[in-house]
């Protein structure tokens, strides 16, 4: 069993992961390490000490974002004005996550089994959270009750593809249209 990290080391790692996620969303997974270091307020050596390779960093950011998305669902349900507002806010976080995820495939291209296990982790962890949000919104009669989590998650994922190919394309606008189509008045 590996030794437990000190609390300050865990906080530093979390700060690095949050900074890397911000940079990846803004600049893609091929962003320079110096940009991530500047965002985190640390030296490049600190990043390499925690994450020796870019793939290590990308996988850690991926897992960090999955966990952030998973824990955000219940929090949003308890703090939002309505279950549908919670769903909308969660989808926004999910889209940020997907921007990072799309770069993961190229960062891990030599290890397809690693990518597949991460994808399974993603579905297993986020599917139930999405389902809880959908069920709450349907129970509040804010959305139709026949939407499955995998359908919504895959639909959003597919809408995010192609963002880099055409600067005129705004996936968030199309996702907003998709979410509006879930409302009960559109049954």
N, C-alpha and C. Protein backbone atom coordinates (compact mmCIF):
# COMPACT_ATOMS: atom_id res chain seq x y z
N UNK A 1 0.85 -1.17 0.00
CA UNK A 1 0.00 0.00 0.00
C UNK A 1 0.89 1.24 0.00
N UNK A 2 0.68 2.16 -0.98
CA UNK A 2 1.53 3.34 -1.04
C UNK A 2 1.29 4.25 0.16
N UNK A 3 2.34 4.98 0.58
CA UNK A 3 2.16 5.88 1.71
C UNK A 3 1.17 6.99 1.39
N UNK A 4 0.43 7.43 2.42
CA UNK A 4 -0.54 8.50 2.23
C UNK A 4 0.19 9.82 2.06
N UNK A 5 -0.35 10.67 1.20
CA UNK A 5 0.23 11.99 0.98
C UNK A 5 -0.17 12.91 2.11
N UNK A 6 0.72 13.83 2.43
CA UNK A 6 0.40 14.85 3.42
C UNK A 6 -0.73 15.73 2.89
N UNK A 7 -1.45 16.36 3.79
CA UNK A 7 -2.60 17.20 3.41
C UNK A 7 -2.16 18.34 2.50
N UNK A 8 -1.01 18.95 2.76
CA UNK A 8 -0.56 20.06 1.92
C UNK A 8 -0.16 19.56 0.53
N UNK A 9 0.37 18.36 0.45
CA UNK A 9 0.73 17.79 -0.86
C UNK A 9 -0.53 17.51 -1.67
N UNK A 10 -1.58 17.03 -1.00
CA UNK A 10 -2.86 16.77 -1.68
C UNK A 10 -3.45 18.09 -2.17
N UNK A 11 -3.41 19.13 -1.33
CA UNK A 11 -3.93 20.45 -1.74
C UNK A 11 -3.15 20.99 -2.94
N UNK A 12 -1.82 20.85 -2.89
CA UNK A 12 -1.00 21.32 -4.02
C UNK A 12 -1.34 20.58 -5.30
N UNK A 13 -1.53 19.28 -5.19
CA UNK A 13 -1.90 18.49 -6.37
C UNK A 13 -3.27 18.92 -6.90
N UNK A 14 -4.22 19.15 -6.01
CA UNK A 14 -5.55 19.59 -6.42
C UNK A 14 -5.48 20.95 -7.11
N UNK A 15 -4.64 21.84 -6.60
CA UNK A 15 -4.45 23.16 -7.22
C UNK A 15 -3.88 23.00 -8.62
N UNK A 16 -2.88 22.13 -8.77
CA UNK A 16 -2.30 21.87 -10.09
C UNK A 16 -3.34 21.30 -11.05
N UNK A 17 -4.14 20.37 -10.58
CA UNK A 17 -5.16 19.75 -11.44
C UNK A 17 -6.21 20.76 -11.86
N UNK A 18 -6.64 21.61 -10.94
CA UNK A 18 -7.63 22.63 -11.29
C UNK A 18 -7.04 23.62 -12.30
N UNK A 19 -5.79 24.01 -12.11
CA UNK A 19 -5.14 24.93 -13.05
C UNK A 19 -4.98 24.27 -14.42
N UNK A 20 -4.56 23.01 -14.43
CA UNK A 20 -4.38 22.31 -15.70
C UNK A 20 -5.72 22.17 -16.42
N UNK A 21 -6.79 21.89 -15.67
CA UNK A 21 -8.12 21.78 -16.29
C UNK A 21 -8.51 23.10 -16.93
N UNK A 22 -8.29 24.21 -16.24
CA UNK A 22 -8.60 25.53 -16.81
C UNK A 22 -7.83 25.77 -18.10
N UNK A 23 -6.55 25.46 -18.08
CA UNK A 23 -5.72 25.66 -19.26
C UNK A 23 -6.15 24.73 -20.39
N UNK A 24 -6.46 23.48 -20.07
CA UNK A 24 -6.90 22.54 -21.09
C UNK A 24 -8.20 22.99 -21.74
N UNK A 25 -9.13 23.51 -20.95
CA UNK A 25 -10.39 24.01 -21.50
C UNK A 25 -10.11 25.18 -22.43
N UNK A 26 -9.23 26.06 -22.01
CA UNK A 26 -8.92 27.27 -22.76
C UNK A 26 -8.04 27.00 -23.98
N UNK A 27 -7.00 26.14 -23.81
CA UNK A 27 -5.98 26.00 -24.84
C UNK A 27 -5.79 24.58 -25.37
N UNK A 28 -6.52 23.62 -24.84
CA UNK A 28 -6.38 22.23 -25.29
C UNK A 28 -5.32 21.49 -24.49
N UNK A 29 -5.31 20.16 -24.61
CA UNK A 29 -4.39 19.34 -23.82
C UNK A 29 -2.95 19.45 -24.26
N UNK A 30 -2.71 20.07 -25.40
CA UNK A 30 -1.33 20.25 -25.85
C UNK A 30 -0.76 21.59 -25.39
N UNK A 31 -1.46 22.28 -24.50
CA UNK A 31 -0.98 23.57 -23.99
C UNK A 31 0.38 23.38 -23.34
N UNK A 32 1.23 24.38 -23.45
CA UNK A 32 2.57 24.27 -22.83
C UNK A 32 2.48 24.11 -21.31
N UNK A 33 3.37 23.29 -20.78
CA UNK A 33 3.42 23.07 -19.33
C UNK A 33 3.67 24.39 -18.61
N UNK A 34 4.45 25.29 -19.21
CA UNK A 34 4.72 26.59 -18.57
C UNK A 34 3.43 27.39 -18.38
N UNK A 35 2.45 27.23 -19.30
CA UNK A 35 1.16 27.91 -19.14
C UNK A 35 0.40 27.36 -17.93
N UNK A 36 0.48 26.05 -17.75
CA UNK A 36 -0.18 25.42 -16.61
C UNK A 36 0.51 25.85 -15.31
N UNK A 37 1.84 25.86 -15.33
CA UNK A 37 2.60 26.29 -14.15
C UNK A 37 2.25 27.72 -13.77
N UNK A 38 2.16 28.60 -14.75
CA UNK A 38 1.80 30.00 -14.49
C UNK A 38 0.40 30.10 -13.90
N UNK A 39 -0.53 29.34 -14.46
CA UNK A 39 -1.92 29.34 -13.95
C UNK A 39 -1.97 28.87 -12.50
N UNK A 40 -1.14 27.88 -12.17
CA UNK A 40 -1.13 27.31 -10.81
C UNK A 40 -0.25 28.11 -9.86
N UNK A 41 0.59 28.98 -10.40
CA UNK A 41 1.50 29.76 -9.56
C UNK A 41 2.64 28.93 -9.00
N UNK A 42 3.10 27.96 -9.80
CA UNK A 42 4.21 27.09 -9.38
C UNK A 42 5.24 27.02 -10.50
N UNK A 43 6.39 26.43 -10.20
CA UNK A 43 7.40 26.19 -11.21
C UNK A 43 7.09 24.94 -12.01
N UNK A 44 7.70 24.85 -13.19
CA UNK A 44 7.46 23.66 -14.03
C UNK A 44 7.94 22.38 -13.35
N UNK A 45 9.00 22.48 -12.55
CA UNK A 45 9.51 21.31 -11.84
C UNK A 45 8.48 20.70 -10.91
N UNK A 46 7.66 21.54 -10.31
CA UNK A 46 6.61 21.06 -9.41
C UNK A 46 5.62 20.20 -10.18
N UNK A 47 5.28 20.64 -11.37
CA UNK A 47 4.34 19.85 -12.19
C UNK A 47 4.97 18.51 -12.55
N UNK A 48 6.23 18.54 -13.01
CA UNK A 48 6.87 17.28 -13.40
C UNK A 48 7.10 16.36 -12.19
N UNK A 49 7.25 16.91 -11.01
CA UNK A 49 7.42 16.09 -9.82
C UNK A 49 6.12 15.32 -9.53
N UNK A 50 4.99 15.97 -9.73
CA UNK A 50 3.70 15.31 -9.50
C UNK A 50 3.28 14.44 -10.69
N UNK A 51 3.58 14.91 -11.90
CA UNK A 51 3.12 14.25 -13.12
C UNK A 51 4.29 14.19 -14.11
N UNK A 52 5.04 13.08 -14.11
CA UNK A 52 6.24 12.98 -14.94
C UNK A 52 6.00 13.11 -16.45
N UNK A 53 4.82 12.71 -16.93
CA UNK A 53 4.53 12.81 -18.36
C UNK A 53 3.24 13.59 -18.58
N UNK A 54 3.08 14.08 -19.79
CA UNK A 54 1.84 14.78 -20.14
C UNK A 54 0.64 13.84 -20.00
N UNK A 55 0.81 12.59 -20.40
CA UNK A 55 -0.29 11.62 -20.27
C UNK A 55 -0.68 11.45 -18.81
N UNK A 56 0.30 11.42 -17.89
CA UNK A 56 -0.01 11.33 -16.46
C UNK A 56 -0.86 12.52 -16.02
N UNK A 57 -0.48 13.70 -16.48
CA UNK A 57 -1.22 14.91 -16.12
C UNK A 57 -2.63 14.89 -16.71
N UNK A 58 -2.75 14.52 -17.97
CA UNK A 58 -4.06 14.50 -18.62
C UNK A 58 -4.99 13.50 -17.94
N UNK A 59 -4.48 12.32 -17.63
CA UNK A 59 -5.30 11.31 -16.95
C UNK A 59 -5.72 11.81 -15.57
N UNK A 60 -4.80 12.45 -14.85
CA UNK A 60 -5.13 12.96 -13.52
C UNK A 60 -6.18 14.07 -13.61
N UNK A 61 -6.06 14.94 -14.62
CA UNK A 61 -7.06 16.00 -14.81
C UNK A 61 -8.41 15.37 -15.16
N UNK A 62 -8.38 14.37 -16.00
CA UNK A 62 -9.60 13.66 -16.40
C UNK A 62 -10.31 13.11 -15.16
N UNK A 63 -9.58 12.39 -14.33
CA UNK A 63 -10.16 11.81 -13.12
C UNK A 63 -10.64 12.90 -12.16
N UNK A 64 -9.86 13.95 -12.04
CA UNK A 64 -10.21 15.08 -11.18
C UNK A 64 -11.53 15.71 -11.64
N UNK A 65 -11.67 15.89 -12.95
CA UNK A 65 -12.89 16.50 -13.47
C UNK A 65 -14.10 15.56 -13.35
N UNK A 66 -13.88 14.27 -13.52
CA UNK A 66 -14.98 13.32 -13.33
C UNK A 66 -15.48 13.43 -11.89
N UNK A 67 -14.55 13.43 -10.95
CA UNK A 67 -14.94 13.52 -9.54
C UNK A 67 -15.60 14.86 -9.23
N UNK A 68 -15.11 15.94 -9.81
CA UNK A 68 -15.72 17.26 -9.59
C UNK A 68 -17.15 17.28 -10.15
N UNK A 69 -17.33 16.70 -11.33
CA UNK A 69 -18.67 16.63 -11.94
C UNK A 69 -19.59 15.76 -11.10
N UNK A 70 -19.06 14.65 -10.62
CA UNK A 70 -19.88 13.73 -9.83
C UNK A 70 -20.31 14.37 -8.51
N UNK A 71 -19.41 15.04 -7.85
CA UNK A 71 -19.76 15.65 -6.57
C UNK A 71 -20.61 16.90 -6.74
N UNK A 72 -20.54 17.54 -7.90
CA UNK A 72 -21.32 18.76 -8.14
C UNK A 72 -22.81 18.46 -8.26
N UNK A 73 -23.18 17.30 -8.76
CA UNK A 73 -24.60 16.98 -8.97
C UNK A 73 -25.44 17.13 -7.72
N UNK A 74 -25.12 16.40 -6.64
CA UNK A 74 -25.91 16.53 -5.42
C UNK A 74 -25.87 17.95 -4.83
N UNK A 75 -24.72 18.58 -4.91
CA UNK A 75 -24.60 19.95 -4.39
C UNK A 75 -25.52 20.89 -5.15
N UNK A 76 -25.51 20.78 -6.48
CA UNK A 76 -26.36 21.64 -7.30
C UNK A 76 -27.84 21.38 -7.02
N UNK A 77 -28.20 20.12 -6.82
CA UNK A 77 -29.61 19.80 -6.51
C UNK A 77 -30.05 20.46 -5.20
N UNK A 78 -29.15 20.53 -4.24
CA UNK A 78 -29.54 21.08 -2.94
C UNK A 78 -29.45 22.61 -2.88
N UNK A 79 -28.75 23.22 -3.85
CA UNK A 79 -28.56 24.67 -3.78
C UNK A 79 -29.22 25.45 -4.91
N UNK A 80 -29.67 24.80 -5.94
CA UNK A 80 -30.26 25.50 -7.09
C UNK A 80 -31.73 25.81 -6.84
N UNK A 81 -32.24 26.76 -7.62
CA UNK A 81 -33.65 27.16 -7.50
C UNK A 81 -34.61 26.04 -7.89
N UNK A 82 -34.16 25.16 -8.78
CA UNK A 82 -35.02 24.07 -9.22
C UNK A 82 -34.15 22.92 -9.70
N UNK A 83 -34.70 21.71 -9.78
CA UNK A 83 -33.92 20.59 -10.33
C UNK A 83 -33.45 20.84 -11.77
N UNK A 84 -34.28 21.52 -12.58
CA UNK A 84 -33.86 21.79 -13.95
C UNK A 84 -32.71 22.80 -13.98
N UNK A 85 -32.73 23.78 -13.09
CA UNK A 85 -31.60 24.71 -12.98
C UNK A 85 -30.33 23.96 -12.57
N UNK A 86 -30.48 22.99 -11.66
CA UNK A 86 -29.33 22.16 -11.26
C UNK A 86 -28.81 21.36 -12.45
N UNK A 87 -29.74 20.79 -13.23
CA UNK A 87 -29.34 20.03 -14.42
C UNK A 87 -28.59 20.92 -15.40
N UNK A 88 -29.09 22.12 -15.65
CA UNK A 88 -28.42 23.05 -16.57
C UNK A 88 -27.01 23.38 -16.09
N UNK A 89 -26.86 23.67 -14.80
CA UNK A 89 -25.55 24.01 -14.25
C UNK A 89 -24.60 22.81 -14.34
N UNK A 90 -25.14 21.61 -14.09
CA UNK A 90 -24.31 20.41 -14.18
C UNK A 90 -23.87 20.16 -15.62
N UNK A 91 -24.77 20.36 -16.56
CA UNK A 91 -24.42 20.17 -17.97
C UNK A 91 -23.30 21.12 -18.37
N UNK A 92 -23.32 22.34 -17.86
CA UNK A 92 -22.25 23.29 -18.15
C UNK A 92 -20.90 22.76 -17.66
N UNK A 93 -20.86 22.19 -16.47
CA UNK A 93 -19.63 21.58 -15.95
C UNK A 93 -19.23 20.37 -16.80
N UNK A 94 -20.22 19.61 -17.21
CA UNK A 94 -19.99 18.42 -18.03
C UNK A 94 -19.37 18.81 -19.37
N UNK A 95 -19.83 19.91 -19.96
CA UNK A 95 -19.27 20.38 -21.23
C UNK A 95 -17.81 20.78 -21.04
N UNK A 96 -17.49 21.49 -19.97
CA UNK A 96 -16.09 21.82 -19.69
C UNK A 96 -15.25 20.55 -19.61
N UNK A 97 -15.78 19.54 -18.94
CA UNK A 97 -15.09 18.26 -18.83
C UNK A 97 -14.88 17.63 -20.21
N UNK A 98 -15.91 17.67 -21.04
CA UNK A 98 -15.80 17.05 -22.37
C UNK A 98 -14.74 17.71 -23.23
N UNK A 99 -14.56 19.00 -23.09
CA UNK A 99 -13.52 19.69 -23.86
C UNK A 99 -12.17 19.08 -23.53
N UNK A 100 -11.93 18.80 -22.27
CA UNK A 100 -10.67 18.16 -21.87
C UNK A 100 -10.63 16.72 -22.34
N UNK A 101 -11.74 16.01 -22.22
CA UNK A 101 -11.80 14.59 -22.57
C UNK A 101 -11.47 14.36 -24.03
N UNK A 102 -11.92 15.24 -24.91
CA UNK A 102 -11.65 15.03 -26.34
C UNK A 102 -10.17 15.02 -26.65
N UNK A 103 -9.38 15.76 -25.90
CA UNK A 103 -7.94 15.74 -26.10
C UNK A 103 -7.27 14.52 -25.50
N UNK A 104 -7.97 13.82 -24.65
CA UNK A 104 -7.40 12.67 -23.98
C UNK A 104 -7.02 11.56 -24.96
N UNK A 105 -7.84 11.34 -25.94
CA UNK A 105 -7.59 10.25 -26.89
C UNK A 105 -6.23 10.39 -27.55
N UNK A 106 -5.88 11.59 -27.99
CA UNK A 106 -4.57 11.76 -28.63
C UNK A 106 -3.45 11.69 -27.61
N UNK A 107 -3.68 12.14 -26.38
CA UNK A 107 -2.65 12.07 -25.36
C UNK A 107 -2.36 10.63 -24.95
N UNK A 108 -3.34 9.75 -25.11
CA UNK A 108 -3.19 8.35 -24.71
C UNK A 108 -3.25 7.39 -25.89
N UNK A 109 -2.97 7.88 -27.09
CA UNK A 109 -3.18 7.06 -28.28
C UNK A 109 -2.41 5.75 -28.26
N UNK A 110 -1.32 5.66 -27.54
CA UNK A 110 -0.56 4.41 -27.53
C UNK A 110 -1.14 3.40 -26.53
N UNK A 111 -2.12 3.81 -25.73
CA UNK A 111 -2.68 2.92 -24.72
C UNK A 111 -4.20 2.92 -24.80
N UNK A 112 -4.76 2.23 -25.81
CA UNK A 112 -6.21 2.24 -25.99
C UNK A 112 -6.93 1.56 -24.83
N UNK A 113 -6.30 0.56 -24.18
CA UNK A 113 -6.95 -0.09 -23.04
C UNK A 113 -7.07 0.88 -21.88
N UNK A 114 -6.07 1.75 -21.71
CA UNK A 114 -6.13 2.77 -20.66
C UNK A 114 -7.25 3.75 -20.92
N UNK A 115 -7.43 4.13 -22.17
CA UNK A 115 -8.51 5.04 -22.52
C UNK A 115 -9.86 4.38 -22.29
N UNK A 116 -9.98 3.11 -22.67
CA UNK A 116 -11.25 2.40 -22.49
C UNK A 116 -11.62 2.28 -21.02
N UNK A 117 -10.63 2.00 -20.16
CA UNK A 117 -10.95 1.88 -18.73
C UNK A 117 -11.33 3.24 -18.15
N UNK A 118 -10.73 4.32 -18.63
CA UNK A 118 -11.11 5.66 -18.18
C UNK A 118 -12.52 6.01 -18.65
N UNK A 119 -12.85 5.59 -19.86
CA UNK A 119 -14.20 5.86 -20.37
C UNK A 119 -15.25 5.10 -19.54
N UNK A 120 -14.95 3.87 -19.20
CA UNK A 120 -15.87 3.10 -18.37
C UNK A 120 -16.02 3.76 -17.00
N UNK A 121 -14.92 4.23 -16.44
CA UNK A 121 -14.94 4.95 -15.16
C UNK A 121 -15.84 6.19 -15.26
N UNK A 122 -15.70 6.91 -16.35
CA UNK A 122 -16.48 8.11 -16.62
C UNK A 122 -17.98 7.79 -16.66
N UNK A 123 -18.37 6.77 -17.39
CA UNK A 123 -19.78 6.38 -17.50
C UNK A 123 -20.30 5.88 -16.15
N UNK A 124 -19.54 5.03 -15.49
CA UNK A 124 -19.97 4.47 -14.21
C UNK A 124 -20.13 5.55 -13.14
N UNK A 125 -19.29 6.56 -13.19
CA UNK A 125 -19.32 7.61 -12.15
C UNK A 125 -20.33 8.71 -12.46
N UNK A 126 -20.44 9.11 -13.73
CA UNK A 126 -21.30 10.24 -14.07
C UNK A 126 -22.71 9.85 -14.49
N UNK A 127 -22.89 8.65 -14.99
CA UNK A 127 -24.23 8.21 -15.39
C UNK A 127 -25.25 8.30 -14.25
N UNK A 128 -24.92 7.76 -13.07
CA UNK A 128 -25.88 7.86 -11.96
C UNK A 128 -26.16 9.31 -11.51
N UNK A 129 -25.16 10.16 -11.58
CA UNK A 129 -25.37 11.57 -11.20
C UNK A 129 -26.31 12.24 -12.19
N UNK A 130 -26.07 12.01 -13.46
CA UNK A 130 -26.95 12.57 -14.49
C UNK A 130 -28.36 12.01 -14.30
N UNK A 131 -28.46 10.72 -14.00
CA UNK A 131 -29.76 10.10 -13.77
C UNK A 131 -30.50 10.73 -12.60
N UNK A 132 -29.78 11.02 -11.53
CA UNK A 132 -30.40 11.65 -10.35
C UNK A 132 -30.93 13.04 -10.70
N UNK A 133 -30.17 13.79 -11.48
CA UNK A 133 -30.61 15.12 -11.90
C UNK A 133 -31.84 15.03 -12.81
N UNK A 134 -31.81 14.11 -13.75
CA UNK A 134 -32.95 13.93 -14.65
C UNK A 134 -34.20 13.50 -13.88
N UNK A 135 -34.04 12.56 -12.96
CA UNK A 135 -35.19 12.08 -12.17
C UNK A 135 -35.78 13.21 -11.33
N UNK A 136 -34.93 14.03 -10.73
CA UNK A 136 -35.42 15.13 -9.89
C UNK A 136 -36.19 16.15 -10.74
N UNK A 137 -35.65 16.48 -11.92
CA UNK A 137 -36.32 17.44 -12.81
C UNK A 137 -37.63 16.86 -13.34
N UNK A 138 -37.65 15.57 -13.64
CA UNK A 138 -38.89 14.94 -14.11
C UNK A 138 -39.92 14.87 -12.98
N UNK A 139 -39.47 14.56 -11.77
CA UNK A 139 -40.39 14.50 -10.63
C UNK A 139 -41.00 15.86 -10.32
N UNK A 140 -40.23 16.92 -10.62
CA UNK A 140 -40.74 18.29 -10.42
C UNK A 140 -41.59 18.74 -11.62
N UNK A 141 -41.78 17.83 -12.57
CA UNK A 141 -42.56 18.10 -13.78
C UNK A 141 -41.96 19.25 -14.60
N UNK A 142 -40.63 19.34 -14.58
CA UNK A 142 -39.93 20.37 -15.35
C UNK A 142 -39.44 19.84 -16.70
N UNK A 143 -39.22 18.53 -16.78
CA UNK A 143 -38.78 17.92 -18.03
C UNK A 143 -39.58 16.64 -18.25
N UNK A 144 -39.51 16.16 -19.46
CA UNK A 144 -40.15 14.89 -19.78
C UNK A 144 -39.50 13.78 -18.96
N UNK A 145 -40.18 12.69 -18.75
CA UNK A 145 -39.69 11.64 -17.87
C UNK A 145 -39.10 10.43 -18.60
N UNK A 146 -38.88 10.55 -19.89
CA UNK A 146 -38.39 9.40 -20.64
C UNK A 146 -36.95 9.55 -21.15
N UNK A 147 -36.19 10.49 -20.58
CA UNK A 147 -34.81 10.71 -21.02
C UNK A 147 -33.88 9.88 -20.16
N UNK A 148 -33.07 9.08 -20.80
CA UNK A 148 -32.09 8.24 -20.09
C UNK A 148 -30.77 8.99 -19.99
N UNK A 149 -30.04 8.81 -18.91
CA UNK A 149 -28.76 9.52 -18.73
C UNK A 149 -27.78 9.30 -19.88
N UNK A 150 -27.65 8.07 -20.34
CA UNK A 150 -26.69 7.80 -21.41
C UNK A 150 -27.07 8.55 -22.69
N UNK A 151 -28.36 8.69 -22.95
CA UNK A 151 -28.80 9.43 -24.14
C UNK A 151 -28.39 10.90 -24.04
N UNK A 152 -28.65 11.51 -22.90
CA UNK A 152 -28.30 12.91 -22.74
C UNK A 152 -26.79 13.11 -22.76
N UNK A 153 -26.06 12.28 -22.05
CA UNK A 153 -24.61 12.43 -22.00
C UNK A 153 -23.98 12.22 -23.37
N UNK A 154 -24.42 11.22 -24.10
CA UNK A 154 -23.86 10.98 -25.44
C UNK A 154 -24.26 12.08 -26.41
N UNK A 155 -25.51 12.54 -26.29
CA UNK A 155 -25.96 13.62 -27.15
C UNK A 155 -25.13 14.88 -26.94
N UNK A 156 -24.90 15.23 -25.69
CA UNK A 156 -24.07 16.40 -25.39
C UNK A 156 -22.65 16.18 -25.89
N UNK A 157 -22.13 14.98 -25.67
CA UNK A 157 -20.77 14.67 -26.14
C UNK A 157 -20.65 14.83 -27.65
N UNK A 158 -21.64 14.32 -28.37
CA UNK A 158 -21.60 14.43 -29.83
C UNK A 158 -21.72 15.89 -30.28
N UNK A 159 -22.49 16.69 -29.56
CA UNK A 159 -22.62 18.10 -29.93
C UNK A 159 -21.33 18.88 -29.69
N UNK A 160 -20.50 18.40 -28.78
CA UNK A 160 -19.23 19.08 -28.49
C UNK A 160 -18.16 18.78 -29.54
N UNK A 161 -18.34 17.71 -30.30
CA UNK A 161 -17.36 17.36 -31.33
C UNK A 161 -17.44 18.39 -32.46
N UNK A 162 -16.31 18.77 -32.98
CA UNK A 162 -16.28 19.69 -34.11
C UNK A 162 -16.13 21.14 -33.72
N UNK A 163 -16.03 21.40 -32.43
CA UNK A 163 -15.88 22.78 -31.95
C UNK A 163 -14.63 23.42 -32.52
N UNK A 164 -13.56 22.65 -32.64
CA UNK A 164 -12.30 23.20 -33.13
C UNK A 164 -12.26 23.35 -34.64
N UNK A 165 -13.12 22.63 -35.35
CA UNK A 165 -13.10 22.66 -36.81
C UNK A 165 -13.74 23.90 -37.41
N UNK A 166 -14.64 24.53 -36.69
CA UNK A 166 -15.38 25.67 -37.23
C UNK A 166 -15.61 26.69 -36.12
N UNK A 167 -14.92 27.81 -36.17
CA UNK A 167 -15.07 28.81 -35.10
C UNK A 167 -16.47 29.39 -35.00
N UNK A 168 -17.28 29.20 -36.02
CA UNK A 168 -18.67 29.69 -35.97
C UNK A 168 -19.57 28.78 -35.17
N UNK A 169 -19.12 27.56 -34.92
CA UNK A 169 -19.94 26.59 -34.22
C UNK A 169 -19.79 26.78 -32.71
N UNK A 170 -20.91 26.94 -32.03
CA UNK A 170 -20.93 27.10 -30.59
C UNK A 170 -21.73 25.94 -29.99
N UNK A 171 -21.04 24.92 -29.48
CA UNK A 171 -21.79 23.77 -28.97
C UNK A 171 -22.70 24.13 -27.80
N UNK A 172 -22.33 25.11 -27.01
CA UNK A 172 -23.17 25.47 -25.86
C UNK A 172 -24.55 25.98 -26.33
N UNK A 173 -24.59 26.66 -27.45
CA UNK A 173 -25.87 27.13 -27.97
C UNK A 173 -26.74 25.96 -28.39
N UNK A 174 -26.16 24.99 -29.05
CA UNK A 174 -26.91 23.83 -29.51
C UNK A 174 -27.34 22.98 -28.30
N UNK A 175 -26.48 22.89 -27.30
CA UNK A 175 -26.82 22.15 -26.08
C UNK A 175 -27.98 22.84 -25.36
N UNK A 176 -28.00 24.16 -25.37
CA UNK A 176 -29.13 24.90 -24.79
C UNK A 176 -30.43 24.54 -25.51
N UNK A 177 -30.36 24.42 -26.83
CA UNK A 177 -31.54 24.01 -27.60
C UNK A 177 -31.97 22.60 -27.21
N UNK A 178 -30.99 21.71 -27.02
CA UNK A 178 -31.28 20.34 -26.60
C UNK A 178 -31.97 20.34 -25.23
N UNK A 179 -31.43 21.09 -24.29
CA UNK A 179 -32.03 21.14 -22.96
C UNK A 179 -33.44 21.73 -23.00
N UNK A 180 -33.63 22.75 -23.80
CA UNK A 180 -34.98 23.31 -23.94
C UNK A 180 -35.96 22.29 -24.50
N UNK A 181 -35.45 21.39 -25.31
CA UNK A 181 -36.31 20.34 -25.88
C UNK A 181 -36.74 19.29 -24.85
N UNK A 182 -36.11 19.27 -23.68
CA UNK A 182 -36.49 18.34 -22.63
C UNK A 182 -37.66 18.82 -21.79
N UNK A 183 -37.97 20.09 -21.88
CA UNK A 183 -38.98 20.66 -20.99
C UNK A 183 -40.35 20.04 -21.26
N UNK A 184 -41.17 20.05 -20.23
CA UNK A 184 -42.48 19.36 -20.30
C UNK A 184 -43.39 19.94 -21.37
N UNK A 185 -43.26 21.20 -21.67
CA UNK A 185 -44.13 21.80 -22.69
C UNK A 185 -43.82 21.23 -24.08
N UNK A 186 -42.69 20.51 -24.21
CA UNK A 186 -42.30 19.93 -25.49
C UNK A 186 -42.52 18.42 -25.54
N UNK A 187 -43.39 17.91 -24.71
CA UNK A 187 -43.65 16.44 -24.70
C UNK A 187 -44.37 16.02 -25.94
